Amino acid sequence: MLGYAIKDLSTGDTFWRLPNAVFPQASSIKLTVLLELLRQDQDGKLSLDEKHTVRRNEMTVGDPEAILNKLGDGTVTMTLRDLAIFMAVLSDNSATNILIERLGMDNINAGIARLGLKETKLRRHMIDLDAARRGNENVSTPREMLALLETVQSGRALDAAHTQEFLRILRLPKESEFNRALPPGVAIADKPGSLEGVRCDSGIVEIAGRRFIFCVMTTYLKHDEDGERAIEAAARAAFAYFDRLDRSSPYGRTIPVR
């Protein structure tokens, strides 16, 4: 099962497939955590420079890939901004759970609701298998993840400085289907996600004269690699389309560069 939502930010043109289908978001839901962190910093409820000492009892159980899990107990102190970078770039689940606790899950969901998103929900901490077994999955739809990113990039969710910080953090180099599929040097502000049987990626792709939002989600995968290949193929096709538009006249002629 594959759904996507694409929007040309130059023209407003949109393209959909299963835009309202509810998909597990895996780590793509961390976009909502980052947004709430920046909102609370903007509102003076906390500071991105606030220090946090990482303790062993905060570590996510059953996540061998988490970087923070490999650090000592109380030996490392970092800022909330540092934790956000661990969350966005390395997809560190312990860093994410620390931020969820600091921000409040109810506050994160209230922020989602203020954007008018009805199907996007943060229902559990990362790697909480008991909650997942109860059906408390973190979910959204292609249309709503597009709406979230469009609202942020347009400056309607945060002030100018915090909007730029949101995008700066998401542009940091990371492993993602979009980054694997698109040419080197293309600016990509995205957050991928992966779970058993689930692969997704949502972000803003920036071509020199054209930007587009692309949110693509897969689930019920027999082989996880099938989802990765499907997202990469879709990203290449979308990029080729918008790159061609960017280099073409209004009548479709591609003007040679001399």
Protein backbone atom coordinates (compact mmCIF):
# COMPACT_ATOMS: atom_id res chain seq x y z
CA MET A 1 0.00 0.00 0.00
CA LEU A 2 1.48 3.34 -1.08
CA GLY A 3 0.15 6.88 -0.73
CA TYR A 4 1.67 10.25 -1.46
CA ALA A 5 1.00 13.96 -1.50
CA ILE A 6 2.99 16.44 -3.59
CA LYS A 7 2.64 20.21 -3.79
CA ASP A 8 4.41 22.62 -6.11
CA LEU A 9 5.10 25.62 -3.89
CA SER A 10 5.55 27.84 -6.97
CA THR A 11 2.11 27.21 -8.46
CA GLY A 12 0.09 25.49 -5.76
CA ASP A 13 -0.49 22.47 -8.00
CA THR A 14 -1.04 19.28 -6.02
CA PHE A 15 -0.85 15.59 -6.83
CA TRP A 16 -2.28 12.84 -4.64
CA ARG A 17 -2.58 9.11 -4.19
CA LEU A 18 -4.59 7.90 -1.19
CA PRO A 19 -4.21 11.35 0.41
CA ASN A 20 -6.54 10.62 3.33
CA ALA A 21 -5.41 7.07 4.11
CA VAL A 22 -4.01 6.74 7.63
CA PHE A 23 -0.46 5.37 7.69
CA PRO A 24 1.94 4.55 10.52
CA GLN A 25 4.53 7.33 10.55
CA ALA A 26 7.43 5.63 12.34
CA SER A 27 10.12 8.29 12.82
CA SER A 28 8.44 10.79 10.48
CA ILE A 29 6.17 11.64 13.43
CA LYS A 30 9.23 13.32 14.96
CA LEU A 31 8.40 16.32 12.77
CA THR A 32 5.62 17.08 15.25
CA VAL A 33 8.04 16.89 18.20
CA LEU A 34 10.48 19.28 16.50
CA LEU A 35 7.67 21.72 15.74
CA GLU A 36 6.46 21.75 19.36
CA LEU A 37 10.02 22.19 20.67
CA LEU A 38 10.51 25.28 18.53
CA ARG A 39 7.07 26.63 19.42
CA GLN A 40 7.78 26.34 23.13
CA ASP A 41 11.14 28.05 22.68
CA GLN A 42 9.42 30.82 20.71
CA ASP A 43 6.81 31.23 23.47
CA GLY A 44 9.44 31.34 26.21
CA LYS A 45 8.29 28.12 27.87
CA LEU A 46 11.77 26.64 27.51
CA SER A 47 15.06 27.40 25.79
CA LEU A 48 16.79 25.46 23.05
CA ASP A 49 19.96 26.11 25.04
CA GLU A 50 18.54 24.43 28.15
CA LYS A 51 20.95 21.75 29.38
CA HIS A 52 19.95 18.14 29.94
CA THR A 53 22.14 15.47 31.52
CA VAL A 54 21.45 12.10 29.93
CA ARG A 55 20.68 9.35 32.44
CA ARG A 56 20.61 5.60 31.92
CA ASN A 57 17.03 5.31 33.21
CA GLU A 58 15.86 7.53 30.31
CA MET A 59 17.23 5.22 27.65
CA THR A 60 14.90 3.44 25.24
CA VAL A 61 14.79 -0.29 25.91
CA GLY A 62 15.18 -2.61 22.94
CA ASP A 63 16.72 -0.12 20.52
CA PRO A 64 20.26 -1.24 19.66
CA GLU A 65 20.75 1.59 17.15
CA ALA A 66 20.19 4.48 19.56
CA ILE A 67 23.38 6.50 20.01
CA LEU A 68 22.52 7.83 23.45
CA ASN A 69 22.12 4.28 24.76
CA LYS A 70 25.84 3.79 24.22
CA LEU A 71 26.85 6.74 26.41
CA GLY A 72 27.61 6.70 30.11
CA ASP A 73 25.12 7.26 32.91
CA GLY A 74 25.13 10.98 33.68
CA THR A 75 28.42 11.58 31.87
CA VAL A 76 27.01 13.64 28.98
CA THR A 77 25.15 16.94 29.13
CA MET A 78 23.66 18.44 26.00
CA THR A 79 21.18 21.14 25.06
CA LEU A 80 17.63 20.56 23.91
CA ARG A 81 18.80 21.73 20.48
CA ASP A 82 21.46 18.97 20.54
CA LEU A 83 18.79 16.40 21.39
CA ALA A 84 16.66 17.69 18.50
CA ILE A 85 19.57 17.21 16.11
CA PHE A 86 20.10 13.66 17.43
CA MET A 87 16.38 13.08 16.84
CA ALA A 88 16.24 14.59 13.35
CA VAL A 89 19.56 13.43 11.89
CA LEU A 90 20.29 10.13 13.66
CA SER A 91 16.63 9.42 14.46
CA ASP A 92 17.76 8.64 17.99
CA ASN A 93 14.73 7.31 19.86
CA SER A 94 16.10 8.00 23.34
CA ALA A 95 16.67 11.65 22.40
CA THR A 96 13.12 11.76 21.04
CA ASN A 97 11.61 10.29 24.19
CA ILE A 98 13.53 12.77 26.37
CA LEU A 99 12.07 15.60 24.30
CA ILE A 100 8.56 14.14 24.45
CA GLU A 101 8.80 14.04 28.24
CA ARG A 102 10.13 17.61 28.40
CA LEU A 103 7.50 19.00 26.03
CA GLY A 104 4.55 16.89 27.14
CA MET A 105 2.76 14.53 24.78
CA ASP A 106 -0.51 16.37 25.33
CA ASN A 107 1.15 19.64 24.30
CA ILE A 108 2.53 18.07 21.14
CA ASN A 109 -0.92 16.76 20.20
CA ALA A 110 -2.53 20.10 21.04
CA GLY A 111 -0.06 21.75 18.66
CA ILE A 112 -1.03 19.26 15.97
CA ALA A 113 -4.71 19.99 16.55
CA ARG A 114 -4.14 23.75 16.26
CA LEU A 115 -2.94 23.14 12.71
CA GLY A 116 -6.32 21.57 11.94
CA LEU A 117 -4.86 18.08 11.53
CA LYS A 118 -7.40 15.49 12.65
CA GLU A 119 -5.66 12.21 11.78
CA THR A 120 -2.11 13.06 12.87
CA LYS A 121 -1.51 11.69 16.37
CA LEU A 122 1.46 11.05 18.63
CA ARG A 123 0.07 8.18 20.72
CA ARG A 124 3.16 6.59 22.20
CA HIS A 125 6.84 7.01 22.93
CA MET A 126 9.36 5.55 20.52
CA ILE A 127 9.89 1.76 20.72
CA ASP A 128 6.98 1.30 23.13
CA LEU A 129 5.97 -2.15 21.92
CA ASP A 130 3.28 -2.62 24.55
CA ALA A 131 1.54 0.55 23.37
CA ALA A 132 1.93 -0.54 19.75
CA ARG A 133 0.34 -3.91 20.54
CA ARG A 134 -2.62 -2.03 22.02
CA GLY A 135 -2.99 -0.20 18.69
CA ASN A 136 -1.52 3.08 19.92
CA GLU A 137 0.41 3.78 16.73
CA ASN A 138 1.78 7.18 15.71
CA VAL A 139 -0.13 8.01 12.55
CA SER A 140 -0.91 10.59 9.89
CA THR A 141 -1.99 10.85 6.26
CA PRO A 142 -0.14 12.07 3.16
CA ARG A 143 -2.41 15.13 2.99
CA GLU A 144 -1.89 16.07 6.64
CA MET A 145 1.89 15.68 6.65
CA LEU A 146 1.98 17.90 3.57
CA ALA A 147 -0.23 20.43 5.38
CA LEU A 148 2.09 20.39 8.40
CA LEU A 149 5.17 21.10 6.31
CA GLU A 150 3.40 23.70 4.19
CA THR A 151 2.16 25.55 7.27
CA VAL A 152 5.65 25.63 8.77
CA GLN A 153 7.52 26.67 5.64
CA SER A 154 5.01 29.44 4.94
CA GLY A 155 5.66 31.00 8.34
CA ARG A 156 2.14 30.37 9.66
CA ALA A 157 3.22 28.01 12.47
CA LEU A 158 6.34 29.75 13.79
CA ASP A 159 8.03 33.13 13.53
CA ALA A 160 10.70 33.67 10.89
CA ALA A 161 13.68 32.71 13.06
CA HIS A 162 12.10 29.49 14.34
CA THR A 163 10.84 28.57 10.87
CA GLN A 164 14.40 28.81 9.60
CA GLU A 165 15.67 26.74 12.53
CA PHE A 166 13.08 24.04 11.82
CA LEU A 167 14.22 23.85 8.20
CA ARG A 168 17.93 24.11 9.08
CA ILE A 169 17.74 21.09 11.36
CA LEU A 170 15.83 19.05 8.78
CA ARG A 171 18.34 19.96 6.05
CA LEU A 172 21.25 18.45 7.98
CA PRO A 173 22.68 15.41 6.12
CA LYS A 174 21.02 12.12 7.01
CA GLU A 175 20.28 8.67 5.67
CA SER A 176 16.92 8.81 3.92
CA GLU A 177 15.21 7.52 0.81
CA PHE A 178 15.05 11.07 -0.57
CA ASN A 179 18.77 11.65 -0.03
CA ARG A 180 19.65 8.32 -1.65
CA ALA A 181 17.42 9.00 -4.67
CA LEU A 182 18.15 12.63 -5.51
CA PRO A 183 21.32 14.18 -6.99
CA PRO A 184 24.08 15.41 -4.66
CA GLY A 185 23.73 19.06 -3.73
CA VAL A 186 19.93 19.13 -3.74
CA ALA A 187 18.69 20.71 -0.50
CA ILE A 188 16.30 18.31 1.23
CA ALA A 189 14.58 19.09 4.54
CA ASP A 190 13.04 15.73 5.40
CA LYS A 191 12.40 13.15 8.10
CA PRO A 192 12.20 9.51 7.06
CA GLY A 193 10.65 6.72 9.08
CA SER A 194 10.89 2.96 9.22
CA LEU A 195 9.20 0.16 11.13
CA GLU A 196 8.58 -3.48 10.34
CA GLY A 197 6.45 -3.42 7.20
CA VAL A 198 6.49 0.37 7.04
CA ARG A 199 8.64 2.90 5.20
CA CYS A 200 7.91 6.63 4.74
CA ASP A 201 9.58 9.97 4.11
CA SER A 202 8.21 13.51 4.25
CA GLY A 203 10.03 16.68 3.39
CA ILE A 204 10.64 19.78 1.30
CA VAL A 205 12.86 19.48 -1.78
CA GLU A 206 14.50 22.66 -2.98
CA ILE A 207 15.45 22.99 -6.63
CA ALA A 208 17.15 26.28 -7.57
CA GLY A 209 14.02 28.01 -8.82
CA ARG A 210 11.35 25.70 -7.51
CA ARG A 211 10.44 23.99 -4.25
CA PHE A 212 8.01 21.19 -3.66
CA ILE A 213 6.70 19.25 -0.68
CA PHE A 214 6.71 15.49 -1.01
CA CYS A 215 5.19 13.09 1.52
CA VAL A 216 5.18 9.40 0.61
CA MET A 217 4.12 6.50 2.81
CA THR A 218 4.08 2.72 2.48
CA THR A 219 2.69 0.00 4.73
CA TYR A 220 1.73 -3.69 4.65
CA LEU A 221 5.13 -4.36 3.06
CA LYS A 222 6.03 -7.98 2.48
CA HIS A 223 9.68 -6.93 2.18
CA ASP A 224 10.83 -3.65 3.73
CA GLU A 225 13.19 -3.10 0.81
CA ASP A 226 10.16 -2.90 -1.51
CA GLY A 227 8.99 0.21 0.34
CA GLU A 228 12.44 1.78 0.20
CA ARG A 229 12.71 1.18 -3.54
CA ALA A 230 9.19 2.52 -4.13
CA ILE A 231 9.90 5.74 -2.22
CA GLU A 232 13.21 6.25 -4.01
CA ALA A 233 11.59 5.68 -7.41
CA ALA A 234 8.79 8.11 -6.58
CA ALA A 235 11.30 10.72 -5.37
CA ARG A 236 13.34 10.43 -8.57
CA ALA A 237 10.20 10.78 -10.70
CA ALA A 238 8.99 13.83 -8.77
CA PHE A 239 12.40 15.47 -8.90
CA ALA A 240 12.72 14.85 -12.65
CA TYR A 241 9.30 16.44 -13.22
CA PHE A 242 9.97 19.58 -11.17
CA ASP A 243 13.52 19.93 -12.44
CA ARG A 244 12.21 19.82 -16.01
CA LEU A 245 9.58 22.44 -15.18
CA ASP A 246 12.24 24.62 -13.60
CA ARG A 247 14.37 24.52 -16.75
CA SER A 248 11.54 24.93 -19.26
CA SER A 249 9.71 27.85 -20.82
CA PRO A 250 5.95 28.22 -20.20
CA TYR A 251 5.49 26.22 -23.43
CA GLY A 252 7.72 23.34 -22.38
CA ARG A 253 10.87 24.18 -24.28
CA THR A 254 14.06 23.49 -22.35
CA ILE A 255 16.38 26.43 -22.98
CA PRO A 256 20.04 25.38 -23.33
CA VAL A 257 22.49 26.80 -20.80
CA ARG A 258 25.51 28.37 -22.52
